[in-house]
Amino acid sequence: TANMQDVRGAALASYLLFEQAYTRDLMALGRA
């Protein structure tokens, strides 16, 4: 779901989210 509180449900999406908003957030986290 698109519910931001549904972290468990988003686990599957975390592997498929090849979208720049998500990948840029992860790149920024890796750098930090």
Full PDB file with SEQRES, HELIX, SHEET, SSBOND, CRYST1, ORIGX, SCALE, CONECT and MASTER records, all heavy atoms in Angstrom:
SEQRES   1 A   32  THR ALA ASN MET GLN ASP VAL ARG GLY ALA ALA LEU ALA          
SEQRES   2 A   32  SER TYR LEU LEU PHE GLU GLN ALA TYR THR ARG ASP LEU          
SEQRES   3 A   32  MET ALA LEU GLY ARG ALA                                      
HELIX    1 AA1 VAL A    7  ALA A   13  1                                   7    
HELIX    2 AA2 GLN A   20  ARG A   31  1                                  12    
CRYST1    1.000    1.000    1.000  90.00  90.00  90.00 P 1           1          
ORIGX1      1.000000  0.000000  0.000000        0.00000                         
ORIGX2      0.000000  1.000000  0.000000        0.00000                         
ORIGX3      0.000000  0.000000  1.000000        0.00000                         
SCALE1      1.000000  0.000000  0.000000        0.00000                         
SCALE2      0.000000  1.000000  0.000000        0.00000                         
SCALE3      0.000000  0.000000  1.000000        0.00000                         
ATOM      1  N   THR A   1       0.834  -1.195   0.000  1.00  0.00           N  
ATOM      2  CA  THR A   1       0.000   0.000   0.000  1.00  0.00           C  
ATOM      3  C   THR A   1       0.871   1.249   0.000  1.00  0.00           C  
ATOM      4  O   THR A   1       2.074   1.186   0.265  1.00  0.00           O  
ATOM      5  CB  THR A   1      -0.922   0.042   1.232  1.00  0.00           C  
ATOM      6  OG1 THR A   1      -0.126   0.298   2.404  1.00  0.00           O  
ATOM      7  CG2 THR A   1      -1.672  -1.273   1.406  1.00  0.00           C  
ATOM      8  N   ALA A   2       0.245   2.382  -0.293  1.00  0.00           N  
ATOM      9  CA  ALA A   2       0.955   3.667  -0.270  1.00  0.00           C  
ATOM     10  C   ALA A   2       0.907   4.300   1.110  1.00  0.00           C  
ATOM     11  O   ALA A   2       1.310   5.454   1.277  1.00  0.00           O  
ATOM     12  CB  ALA A   2       0.344   4.612  -1.312  1.00  0.00           C  
ATOM     13  N   ASN A   3       0.453   3.544   2.101  1.00  0.00           N  
ATOM     14  CA  ASN A   3       0.401   4.031   3.475  1.00  0.00           C  
ATOM     15  C   ASN A   3       1.817   4.103   4.034  1.00  0.00           C  
ATOM     16  O   ASN A   3       2.507   3.088   4.159  1.00  0.00           O  
ATOM     17  CB  ASN A   3      -0.463   3.091   4.322  1.00  0.00           C  
ATOM     18  CG  ASN A   3      -0.585   3.554   5.766  1.00  0.00           C  
ATOM     19  OD1 ASN A   3      -0.003   4.564   6.168  1.00  0.00           O  
ATOM     20  ND2 ASN A   3      -1.333   2.806   6.565  1.00  0.00           N  
ATOM     21  N   MET A   4       2.276   5.295   4.375  1.00  0.00           N  
ATOM     22  CA  MET A   4       3.650   5.467   4.851  1.00  0.00           C  
ATOM     23  C   MET A   4       3.911   4.758   6.172  1.00  0.00           C  
ATOM     24  O   MET A   4       5.069   4.559   6.555  1.00  0.00           O  
ATOM     25  CB  MET A   4       3.972   6.961   4.993  1.00  0.00           C  
ATOM     26  CG  MET A   4       3.987   7.714   3.679  1.00  0.00           C  
ATOM     27  SD  MET A   4       4.511   9.432   3.889  1.00  0.00           S  
ATOM     28  CE  MET A   4       4.330  10.051   2.211  1.00  0.00           C  
ATOM     29  N   GLN A   5       2.846   4.390   6.883  1.00  0.00           N  
ATOM     30  CA  GLN A   5       3.023   3.685   8.147  1.00  0.00           C  
ATOM     31  C   GLN A   5       3.178   2.179   7.949  1.00  0.00           C  
ATOM     32  O   GLN A   5       3.547   1.464   8.874  1.00  0.00           O  
ATOM     33  CB  GLN A   5       1.815   3.955   9.069  1.00  0.00           C  
ATOM     34  CG  GLN A   5       1.570   5.438   9.349  1.00  0.00           C  
ATOM     35  CD  GLN A   5       2.777   6.115   9.967  1.00  0.00           C  
ATOM     36  OE1 GLN A   5       3.422   5.562  10.863  1.00  0.00           O  
ATOM     37  NE2 GLN A   5       3.101   7.317   9.487  1.00  0.00           N  
ATOM     38  N   ASP A   6       2.881   1.714   6.736  1.00  0.00           N  
ATOM     39  CA  ASP A   6       2.940   0.277   6.458  1.00  0.00           C  
ATOM     40  C   ASP A   6       4.361  -0.113   6.067  1.00  0.00           C  
ATOM     41  O   ASP A   6       4.655  -0.400   4.909  1.00  0.00           O  
ATOM     42  CB  ASP A   6       1.948  -0.079   5.349  1.00  0.00           C  
ATOM     43  CG  ASP A   6       1.890  -1.583   5.087  1.00  0.00           C  
ATOM     44  OD1 ASP A   6       2.367  -2.344   5.956  1.00  0.00           O  
ATOM     45  OD2 ASP A   6       1.382  -1.977   4.023  1.00  0.00           O  
ATOM     46  N   VAL A   7       5.251  -0.104   7.050  1.00  0.00           N  
ATOM     47  CA  VAL A   7       6.659  -0.391   6.791  1.00  0.00           C  
ATOM     48  C   VAL A   7       6.859  -1.840   6.372  1.00  0.00           C  
ATOM     49  O   VAL A   7       7.627  -2.140   5.456  1.00  0.00           O  
ATOM     50  CB  VAL A   7       7.508  -0.058   8.033  1.00  0.00           C  
ATOM     51  CG1 VAL A   7       8.963  -0.463   7.818  1.00  0.00           C  
ATOM     52  CG2 VAL A   7       7.411   1.427   8.344  1.00  0.00           C  
ATOM     53  N   ARG A   8       6.162  -2.761   7.035  1.00  0.00           N  
ATOM     54  CA  ARG A   8       6.323  -4.178   6.701  1.00  0.00           C  
ATOM     55  C   ARG A   8       5.884  -4.448   5.268  1.00  0.00           C  
ATOM     56  O   ARG A   8       6.528  -5.182   4.528  1.00  0.00           O  
ATOM     57  CB  ARG A   8       5.495  -5.035   7.665  1.00  0.00           C  
ATOM     58  CG  ARG A   8       5.941  -4.973   9.113  1.00  0.00           C  
ATOM     59  CD  ARG A   8       7.309  -5.586   9.314  1.00  0.00           C  
ATOM     60  NE  ARG A   8       7.655  -5.674  10.719  1.00  0.00           N  
ATOM     61  CZ  ARG A   8       8.857  -5.996  11.186  1.00  0.00           C  
ATOM     62  NH1 ARG A   8       9.828  -6.249  10.343  1.00  0.00           N  
ATOM     63  NH2 ARG A   8       9.098  -6.045  12.478  1.00  0.00           N  
ATOM     64  N   GLY A   9       4.770  -3.865   4.864  1.00  0.00           N  
ATOM     65  CA  GLY A   9       4.295  -4.060   3.504  1.00  0.00           C  
ATOM     66  C   GLY A   9       5.205  -3.449   2.471  1.00  0.00           C  
ATOM     67  O   GLY A   9       5.268  -3.904   1.323  1.00  0.00           O  
ATOM     68  N   ALA A  10       5.937  -2.395   2.858  1.00  0.00           N  
ATOM     69  CA  ALA A  10       6.831  -1.706   1.922  1.00  0.00           C  
ATOM     70  C   ALA A  10       8.144  -2.443   1.718  1.00  0.00           C  
ATOM     71  O   ALA A  10       8.931  -2.077   0.835  1.00  0.00           O  
ATOM     72  CB  ALA A  10       7.113  -0.291   2.414  1.00  0.00           C  
ATOM     73  N   ALA A  11       8.408  -3.479   2.501  1.00  0.00           N  
ATOM     74  CA  ALA A  11       9.668  -4.214   2.372  1.00  0.00           C  
ATOM     75  C   ALA A  11       9.838  -4.765   0.966  1.00  0.00           C  
ATOM     76  O   ALA A  11      10.921  -4.669   0.369  1.00  0.00           O  
ATOM     77  CB  ALA A  11       9.726  -5.333   3.405  1.00  0.00           C  
ATOM     78  N   LEU A  12       8.766  -5.337   0.410  1.00  0.00           N  
ATOM     79  CA  LEU A  12       8.842  -5.864  -0.952  1.00  0.00           C  
ATOM     80  C   LEU A  12       9.129  -4.754  -1.946  1.00  0.00           C  
ATOM     81  O   LEU A  12       9.972  -4.893  -2.838  1.00  0.00           O  
ATOM     82  CB  LEU A  12       7.532  -6.584  -1.305  1.00  0.00           C  
ATOM     83  CG  LEU A  12       7.398  -7.088  -2.752  1.00  0.00           C  
ATOM     84  CD1 LEU A  12       8.508  -8.073  -3.084  1.00  0.00           C  
ATOM     85  CD2 LEU A  12       6.029  -7.742  -2.961  1.00  0.00           C  
ATOM     86  N   ALA A  13       8.438  -3.623  -1.789  1.00  0.00           N  
ATOM     87  CA  ALA A  13       8.636  -2.496  -2.704  1.00  0.00           C  
ATOM     88  C   ALA A  13      10.056  -1.948  -2.631  1.00  0.00           C  
ATOM     89  O   ALA A  13      10.575  -1.412  -3.619  1.00  0.00           O  
ATOM     90  CB  ALA A  13       7.633  -1.390  -2.392  1.00  0.00           C  
ATOM     91  N   SER A  14      10.719  -2.078  -1.479  1.00  0.00           N  
ATOM     92  CA  SER A  14      12.058  -1.508  -1.318  1.00  0.00           C  
ATOM     93  C   SER A  14      13.063  -2.114  -2.283  1.00  0.00           C  
ATOM     94  O   SER A  14      14.097  -1.507  -2.578  1.00  0.00           O  
ATOM     95  CB  SER A  14      12.546  -1.699   0.125  1.00  0.00           C  
ATOM     96  OG  SER A  14      12.874  -3.054   0.391  1.00  0.00           O  
ATOM     97  N   TYR A  15      12.771  -3.315  -2.788  1.00  0.00           N  
ATOM     98  CA  TYR A  15      13.668  -3.974  -3.732  1.00  0.00           C  
ATOM     99  C   TYR A  15      13.352  -3.610  -5.182  1.00  0.00           C  
ATOM    100  O   TYR A  15      14.177  -3.842  -6.077  1.00  0.00           O  
ATOM    101  CB  TYR A  15      13.591  -5.496  -3.563  1.00  0.00           C  
ATOM    102  CG  TYR A  15      14.030  -5.965  -2.201  1.00  0.00           C  
ATOM    103  CD1 TYR A  15      13.108  -6.165  -1.170  1.00  0.00           C  
ATOM    104  CD2 TYR A  15      15.372  -6.203  -1.920  1.00  0.00           C  
ATOM    105  CE1 TYR A  15      13.507  -6.582   0.088  1.00  0.00           C  
ATOM    106  CE2 TYR A  15      15.783  -6.625  -0.669  1.00  0.00           C  
ATOM    107  CZ  TYR A  15      14.848  -6.802   0.334  1.00  0.00           C  
ATOM    108  OH  TYR A  15      15.251  -7.202   1.581  1.00  0.00           O  
ATOM    109  N   LEU A  16      12.176  -3.043  -5.423  1.00  0.00           N  
ATOM    110  CA  LEU A  16      11.710  -2.780  -6.790  1.00  0.00           C  
ATOM    111  C   LEU A  16      11.595  -1.299  -7.116  1.00  0.00           C  
ATOM    112  O   LEU A  16      11.278  -0.940  -8.246  1.00  0.00           O  
ATOM    113  CB  LEU A  16      10.343  -3.440  -7.011  1.00  0.00           C  
ATOM    114  CG  LEU A  16      10.265  -4.944  -6.753  1.00  0.00           C  
ATOM    115  CD1 LEU A  16       8.849  -5.445  -6.949  1.00  0.00           C  
ATOM    116  CD2 LEU A  16      11.221  -5.687  -7.675  1.00  0.00           C  
ATOM    117  N   LEU A  17      11.862  -0.431  -6.145  1.00  0.00           N  
ATOM    118  CA  LEU A  17      11.660   1.004  -6.310  1.00  0.00           C  
ATOM    119  C   LEU A  17      12.825   1.673  -7.046  1.00  0.00           C  
ATOM    120  O   LEU A  17      13.568   2.476  -6.479  1.00  0.00           O  
ATOM    121  CB  LEU A  17      11.465   1.667  -4.946  1.00  0.00           C  
ATOM    122  CG  LEU A  17      10.016   1.981  -4.569  1.00  0.00           C  
ATOM    123  CD1 LEU A  17       9.896   2.302  -3.086  1.00  0.00           C  
ATOM    124  CD2 LEU A  17       9.521   3.167  -5.405  1.00  0.00           C  
ATOM    125  N   PHE A  18      12.979   1.327  -8.309  1.00  0.00           N  
ATOM    126  CA  PHE A  18      14.022   1.964  -9.117  1.00  0.00           C  
ATOM    127  C   PHE A  18      13.496   3.299  -9.631  1.00  0.00           C  
ATOM    128  O   PHE A  18      13.307   3.497 -10.839  1.00  0.00           O  
ATOM    129  CB  PHE A  18      14.407   1.045 -10.279  1.00  0.00           C  
ATOM    130  CG  PHE A  18      15.092  -0.219  -9.851  1.00  0.00           C  
ATOM    131  CD1 PHE A  18      14.372  -1.388  -9.634  1.00  0.00           C  
ATOM    132  CD2 PHE A  18      16.469  -0.246  -9.651  1.00  0.00           C  
ATOM    133  CE1 PHE A  18      15.001  -2.558  -9.246  1.00  0.00           C  
ATOM    134  CE2 PHE A  18      17.113  -1.414  -9.253  1.00  0.00           C  
ATOM    135  CZ  PHE A  18      16.370  -2.581  -9.047  1.00  0.00           C  
ATOM    136  N   GLU A  19      13.216   4.207  -8.703  1.00  0.00           N  
ATOM    137  CA  GLU A  19      12.741   5.547  -9.017  1.00  0.00           C  
ATOM    138  C   GLU A  19      13.653   6.547  -8.319  1.00  0.00           C  
ATOM    139  O   GLU A  19      14.077   6.339  -7.184  1.00  0.00           O  
ATOM    140  CB  GLU A  19      11.292   5.736  -8.575  1.00  0.00           C  
ATOM    141  CG  GLU A  19      10.288   4.881  -9.340  1.00  0.00           C  
ATOM    142  CD  GLU A  19      10.140   5.312 -10.801  1.00  0.00           C  
ATOM    143  OE1 GLU A  19      10.473   6.486 -11.117  1.00  0.00           O  
ATOM    144  OE2 GLU A  19       9.694   4.483 -11.624  1.00  0.00           O  
ATOM    145  N   GLN A  20      13.963   7.640  -9.007  1.00  0.00           N  
ATOM    146  CA  GLN A  20      15.033   8.521  -8.554  1.00  0.00           C  
ATOM    147  C   GLN A  20      14.794   9.147  -7.184  1.00  0.00           C  
ATOM    148  O   GLN A  20      15.751   9.380  -6.434  1.00  0.00           O  
ATOM    149  CB  GLN A  20      15.294   9.609  -9.585  1.00  0.00           C  
ATOM    150  CG  GLN A  20      14.153  10.563  -9.843  1.00  0.00           C  
ATOM    151  CD  GLN A  20      14.514  11.593 -10.898  1.00  0.00           C  
ATOM    152  OE1 GLN A  20      15.370  11.357 -11.759  1.00  0.00           O  
ATOM    153  NE2 GLN A  20      13.870  12.748 -10.849  1.00  0.00           N  
ATOM    154  N   ALA A  21      13.546   9.410  -6.805  1.00  0.00           N  
ATOM    155  CA  ALA A  21      13.313   9.995  -5.485  1.00  0.00           C  
ATOM    156  C   ALA A  21      13.792   9.049  -4.390  1.00  0.00           C  
ATOM    157  O   ALA A  21      14.411   9.468  -3.399  1.00  0.00           O  
ATOM    158  CB  ALA A  21      11.831  10.321  -5.306  1.00  0.00           C  
ATOM    159  N   TYR A  22      13.523   7.768  -4.566  1.00  0.00           N  
ATOM    160  CA  TYR A  22      13.946   6.746  -3.602  1.00  0.00           C  
ATOM    161  C   TYR A  22      15.450   6.508  -3.682  1.00  0.00           C  
ATOM    162  O   TYR A  22      16.146   6.492  -2.651  1.00  0.00           O  
ATOM    163  CB  TYR A  22      13.180   5.459  -3.881  1.00  0.00           C  
ATOM    164  CG  TYR A  22      13.583   4.266  -3.038  1.00  0.00           C  
ATOM    165  CD1 TYR A  22      13.377   4.248  -1.661  1.00  0.00           C  
ATOM    166  CD2 TYR A  22      14.136   3.123  -3.630  1.00  0.00           C  
ATOM    167  CE1 TYR A  22      13.723   3.132  -0.900  1.00  0.00           C  
ATOM    168  CE2 TYR A  22      14.480   2.014  -2.872  1.00  0.00           C  
ATOM    169  CZ  TYR A  22      14.278   2.028  -1.511  1.00  0.00           C  
ATOM    170  OH  TYR A  22      14.616   0.922  -0.760  1.00  0.00           O  
ATOM    171  N   THR A  23      15.975   6.317  -4.902  1.00  0.00           N  
ATOM    172  CA  THR A  23      17.400   6.016  -5.022  1.00  0.00           C  
ATOM    173  C   THR A  23      18.260   7.179  -4.541  1.00  0.00           C  
ATOM    174  O   THR A  23      19.317   6.972  -3.939  1.00  0.00           O  
ATOM    175  CB  THR A  23      17.766   5.657  -6.476  1.00  0.00           C  
ATOM    176  OG1 THR A  23      17.400   6.726  -7.358  1.00  0.00           O  
ATOM    177  CG2 THR A  23      17.045   4.380  -6.913  1.00  0.00           C  
ATOM    178  N   ARG A  24      17.801   8.410  -4.771  1.00  0.00           N  
ATOM    179  CA  ARG A  24      18.567   9.564  -4.284  1.00  0.00           C  
ATOM    180  C   ARG A  24      18.553   9.633  -2.762  1.00  0.00           C  
ATOM    181  O   ARG A  24      19.565  10.016  -2.149  1.00  0.00           O  
ATOM    182  CB  ARG A  24      18.011  10.852  -4.888  1.00  0.00           C  
ATOM    183  CG  ARG A  24      18.342  11.018  -6.368  1.00  0.00           C  
ATOM    184  CD  ARG A  24      17.759  12.301  -6.941  1.00  0.00           C  
ATOM    185  NE  ARG A  24      18.089  12.447  -8.352  1.00  0.00           N  
ATOM    186  CZ  ARG A  24      17.705  13.472  -9.110  1.00  0.00           C  
ATOM    187  NH1 ARG A  24      16.968  14.448  -8.566  1.00  0.00           N  
ATOM    188  NH2 ARG A  24      18.044  13.530 -10.386  1.00  0.00           N  
ATOM    189  N   ASP A  25      17.435   9.282  -2.144  1.00  0.00           N  
ATOM    190  CA  ASP A  25      17.385   9.239  -0.679  1.00  0.00           C  
ATOM    191  C   ASP A  25      18.385   8.216  -0.143  1.00  0.00           C  
ATOM    192  O   ASP A  25      19.080   8.472   0.854  1.00  0.00           O  
ATOM    193  CB  ASP A  25      15.977   8.888  -0.203  1.00  0.00           C  
ATOM    194  CG  ASP A  25      15.072  10.112  -0.098  1.00  0.00           C  
ATOM    195  OD1 ASP A  25      15.539  11.229  -0.416  1.00  0.00           O  
ATOM    196  OD2 ASP A  25      13.906   9.948   0.305  1.00  0.00           O  
ATOM    197  N   LEU A  26      18.462   7.053  -0.801  1.00  0.00           N  
ATOM    198  CA  LEU A  26      19.395   6.017  -0.345  1.00  0.00           C  
ATOM    199  C   LEU A  26      20.841   6.434  -0.592  1.00  0.00           C  
ATOM    200  O   LEU A  26      21.725   6.165   0.232  1.00  0.00           O  
ATOM    201  CB  LEU A  26      19.106   4.691  -1.052  1.00  0.00           C  
ATOM    202  CG  LEU A  26      17.748   4.036  -0.784  1.00  0.00           C  
ATOM    203  CD1 LEU A  26      17.780   2.576  -1.220  1.00  0.00           C  
ATOM    204  CD2 LEU A  26      17.358   4.127   0.680  1.00  0.00           C  
ATOM    205  N   MET A  27      21.101   7.094  -1.705  1.00  0.00           N  
ATOM    206  CA  MET A  27      22.456   7.592  -1.977  1.00  0.00           C  
ATOM    207  C   MET A  27      22.873   8.614  -0.924  1.00  0.00           C  
ATOM    208  O   MET A  27      24.012   8.588  -0.429  1.00  0.00           O  
ATOM    209  CB  MET A  27      22.520   8.194  -3.379  1.00  0.00           C  
ATOM    210  CG  MET A  27      22.404   7.172  -4.507  1.00  0.00           C  
ATOM    211  SD  MET A  27      22.122   7.916  -6.150  1.00  0.00           S  
ATOM    212  CE  MET A  27      23.652   8.817  -6.390  1.00  0.00           C  
ATOM    213  N   ALA A  28      21.951   9.498  -0.562  1.00  0.00           N  
ATOM    214  CA  ALA A  28      22.261  10.503   0.465  1.00  0.00           C  
ATOM    215  C   ALA A  28      22.523   9.827   1.808  1.00  0.00           C  
ATOM    216  O   ALA A  28      23.418  10.238   2.558  1.00  0.00           O  
ATOM    217  CB  ALA A  28      21.102  11.490   0.585  1.00  0.00           C  
ATOM    218  N   LEU A  29      21.756   8.782   2.111  1.00  0.00           N  
ATOM    219  CA  LEU A  29      21.957   8.055   3.363  1.00  0.00           C  
ATOM    220  C   LEU A  29      23.304   7.344   3.365  1.00  0.00           C  
ATOM    221  O   LEU A  29      24.038   7.364   4.369  1.00  0.00           O  
ATOM    222  CB  LEU A  29      20.824   7.050   3.572  1.00  0.00           C  
ATOM    223  CG  LEU A  29      20.906   6.187   4.834  1.00  0.00           C  
ATOM    224  CD1 LEU A  29      20.861   7.053   6.091  1.00  0.00           C  
ATOM    225  CD2 LEU A  29      19.776   5.156   4.847  1.00  0.00           C  
ATOM    226  N   GLY A  30      23.660   6.718   2.241  1.00  0.00           N  
ATOM    227  CA  GLY A  30      24.957   6.044   2.146  1.00  0.00           C  
ATOM    228  C   GLY A  30      26.113   7.004   2.332  1.00  0.00           C  
ATOM    229  O   GLY A  30      27.104   6.694   3.009  1.00  0.00           O  
ATOM    230  N   ARG A  31      25.988   8.179   1.748  1.00  0.00           N  
ATOM    231  CA  ARG A  31      27.031   9.193   1.898  1.00  0.00           C  
ATOM    232  C   ARG A  31      27.132   9.650   3.352  1.00  0.00           C  
ATOM    233  O   ARG A  31      28.231   9.733   3.918  1.00  0.00           O  
ATOM    234  CB  ARG A  31      26.720  10.389   0.991  1.00  0.00           C  
ATOM    235  CG  ARG A  31      27.699  11.550   1.127  1.00  0.00           C  
ATOM    236  CD  ARG A  31      27.337  12.683   0.183  1.00  0.00           C  
ATOM    237  NE  ARG A  31      28.147  13.877   0.436  1.00  0.00           N  
ATOM    238  CZ  ARG A  31      29.376  14.061   0.012  1.00  0.00           C  
ATOM    239  NH1 ARG A  31      29.976  13.116  -0.700  1.00  0.00           N  
ATOM    240  NH2 ARG A  31      30.039  15.173   0.277  1.00  0.00           N  
ATOM    241  N   ALA A  32      25.987   9.926   3.971  1.00  0.00           N  
ATOM    242  CA  ALA A  32      25.983  10.400   5.361  1.00  0.00           C  
ATOM    243  C   ALA A  32      26.553   9.348   6.304  1.00  0.00           C  
ATOM    244  O   ALA A  32      27.333   9.672   7.212  1.00  0.00           O  
ATOM    245  CB  ALA A  32      24.560  10.777   5.771  1.00  0.00           C  
TER     246      ALA A  32                                                      
MASTER        0    0    0    2    0    0    0    6  245    1    0    3          
END                                                                             
